[in-house]
N, C-alpha and C. Protein backbone atom coordinates (compact mmCIF):
# COMPACT_ATOMS: atom_id res chain seq x y z
N ALA A 1 -81.40 5.37 17.27
CA ALA A 1 -82.13 6.25 17.38
C ALA A 1 -83.00 6.67 17.69
N VAL A 2 -84.02 7.31 17.93
CA VAL A 2 -85.50 7.99 19.02
C VAL A 2 -85.74 9.21 17.92
N ALA A 3 -86.81 8.73 16.84
CA ALA A 3 -87.22 10.35 16.66
C ALA A 3 -88.69 10.35 16.31
N GLY A 4 -88.76 11.50 16.47
CA GLY A 4 -90.64 10.86 16.36
C GLY A 4 -91.10 12.94 16.55
N ILE A 5 -92.28 13.45 15.51
CA ILE A 5 -92.99 14.41 16.01
C ILE A 5 -93.32 14.63 17.78
N GLU A 6 -94.30 14.14 18.49
CA GLU A 6 -94.58 13.68 19.63
C GLU A 6 -93.95 12.24 20.18
N ILE A 7 -93.05 12.86 20.63
CA ILE A 7 -91.82 12.01 22.04
C ILE A 7 -92.64 11.69 23.27
N ASP A 8 -94.07 10.71 23.15
CA ASP A 8 -94.53 10.25 24.82
C ASP A 8 -93.29 10.30 26.14
N GLU A 9 -93.90 11.08 27.16
CA GLU A 9 -93.09 10.99 28.05
C GLU A 9 -91.88 9.80 29.12
N GLY A 10 -91.12 10.08 28.99
CA GLY A 10 -89.75 9.01 29.16
C GLY A 10 -89.33 8.11 28.40
N ILE A 11 -89.99 8.54 27.31
CA ILE A 11 -88.55 7.88 25.77
C ILE A 11 -88.34 8.44 25.76
N ASP A 12 -87.41 9.39 24.91
CA ASP A 12 -86.21 10.05 25.35
C ASP A 12 -85.23 9.81 26.34
N ARG A 13 -85.73 9.60 27.69
CA ARG A 13 -84.37 9.57 28.31
C ARG A 13 -84.68 7.87 28.51
N TYR A 14 -85.39 6.92 27.66
CA TYR A 14 -84.83 5.70 28.01
C TYR A 14 -84.14 5.55 27.02
N ALA A 15 -84.06 5.93 25.94
CA ALA A 15 -83.41 5.87 24.56
C ALA A 15 -82.01 6.33 24.94
N TYR A 16 -82.23 7.60 25.82
CA TYR A 16 -80.59 8.66 26.12
C TYR A 16 -79.76 7.07 26.15
N ASN A 17 -80.71 6.39 27.86
CA ASN A 17 -79.92 5.53 28.29
C ASN A 17 -79.20 4.02 27.93
N LYS A 18 -80.33 3.93 26.96
CA LYS A 18 -79.88 2.81 26.02
C LYS A 18 -78.52 2.89 26.08
N GLY A 19 -77.75 3.99 25.11
CA GLY A 19 -76.81 4.84 24.42
C GLY A 19 -77.90 4.94 23.36
N LEU A 20 -78.94 5.18 22.72
CA LEU A 20 -79.56 6.02 21.70
C LEU A 20 -79.47 7.23 21.21
N PHE A 21 -79.03 7.64 20.01
CA PHE A 21 -79.24 9.57 20.06
C PHE A 21 -81.46 9.12 20.06
N VAL A 22 -81.08 10.87 20.66
CA VAL A 22 -82.79 11.15 20.28
C VAL A 22 -82.47 12.04 19.47
N ILE A 23 -83.74 12.10 18.30
CA ILE A 23 -83.33 13.39 17.65
C ILE A 23 -85.20 14.11 17.88
N LYS A 24 -84.51 15.29 18.06
CA LYS A 24 -86.48 16.26 18.30
C LYS A 24 -87.03 16.78 16.96
N PRO A 25 -88.00 17.38 16.96
CA PRO A 25 -87.71 18.25 16.27
C PRO A 25 -87.25 20.10 16.51
N SER A 26 -87.24 20.57 15.29
CA SER A 26 -85.95 21.96 16.13
C SER A 26 -86.68 23.29 15.02
N GLY A 27 -87.80 23.76 14.78
CA GLY A 27 -88.38 24.59 13.66
C GLY A 27 -88.31 23.87 12.66
N ASP A 28 -87.32 23.98 11.79
CA ASP A 28 -87.90 23.47 10.34
C ASP A 28 -86.58 22.40 9.96
N THR A 29 -86.11 21.97 11.02
CA THR A 29 -85.30 21.04 10.90
C THR A 29 -85.35 19.83 11.97
N VAL A 30 -84.04 18.97 12.67
CA VAL A 30 -83.95 18.46 13.41
C VAL A 30 -83.12 18.86 14.64
N GLU A 31 -83.04 18.26 15.80
CA GLU A 31 -81.45 18.14 16.30
C GLU A 31 -81.38 16.74 17.74
N ILE A 32 -80.42 16.30 17.31
CA ILE A 32 -80.10 15.93 18.34
C ILE A 32 -79.42 16.44 19.58
N ILE A 33 -80.75 15.71 20.69
CA ILE A 33 -80.95 16.49 22.31
C ILE A 33 -79.96 16.00 22.52
N ASN A 34 -78.69 14.67 22.58
CA ASN A 34 -77.78 14.35 23.44
C ASN A 34 -77.58 15.27 24.10
N ASP A 35 -76.69 15.14 25.34
CA ASP A 35 -75.31 16.28 25.48
C ASP A 35 -74.34 15.08 26.18
N GLU A 36 -73.28 16.23 26.85
CA GLU A 36 -72.36 15.63 26.61
C GLU A 36 -71.24 14.75 27.40
N ASN A 37 -72.37 14.44 28.01
CA ASN A 37 -72.61 13.14 29.03
C ASN A 37 -72.51 11.85 28.58
N PHE A 38 -73.55 12.08 27.42
CA PHE A 38 -74.35 10.71 26.49
C PHE A 38 -72.78 9.60 26.07
N ARG A 39 -73.00 8.69 26.47
CA ARG A 39 -72.11 7.56 25.75
C ARG A 39 -72.77 6.54 25.46
N LEU A 40 -72.32 6.64 23.85
CA LEU A 40 -73.35 6.16 22.10
C LEU A 40 -73.08 4.18 22.89
N ARG A 41 -74.32 3.74 22.26
CA ARG A 41 -73.86 1.83 22.51
C ARG A 41 -73.47 1.37 21.21
N THR A 42 -72.43 0.58 21.45
CA THR A 42 -71.70 0.17 20.21
C THR A 42 -72.56 -1.79 19.95
N TRP A 43 -73.64 -1.43 19.12
CA TRP A 43 -73.75 -3.61 18.53
C TRP A 43 -72.96 -4.59 18.65
């Protein structure tokens, strides 16, 4: 997964394309922003 308070432009897209969860702040909590087309990469 990749998570952060600030994520540089393109890092979220890179992580998504590599099969990683993308976690972003959402109010007082966080949320996984991957959509229904996301395919988790198995290690």
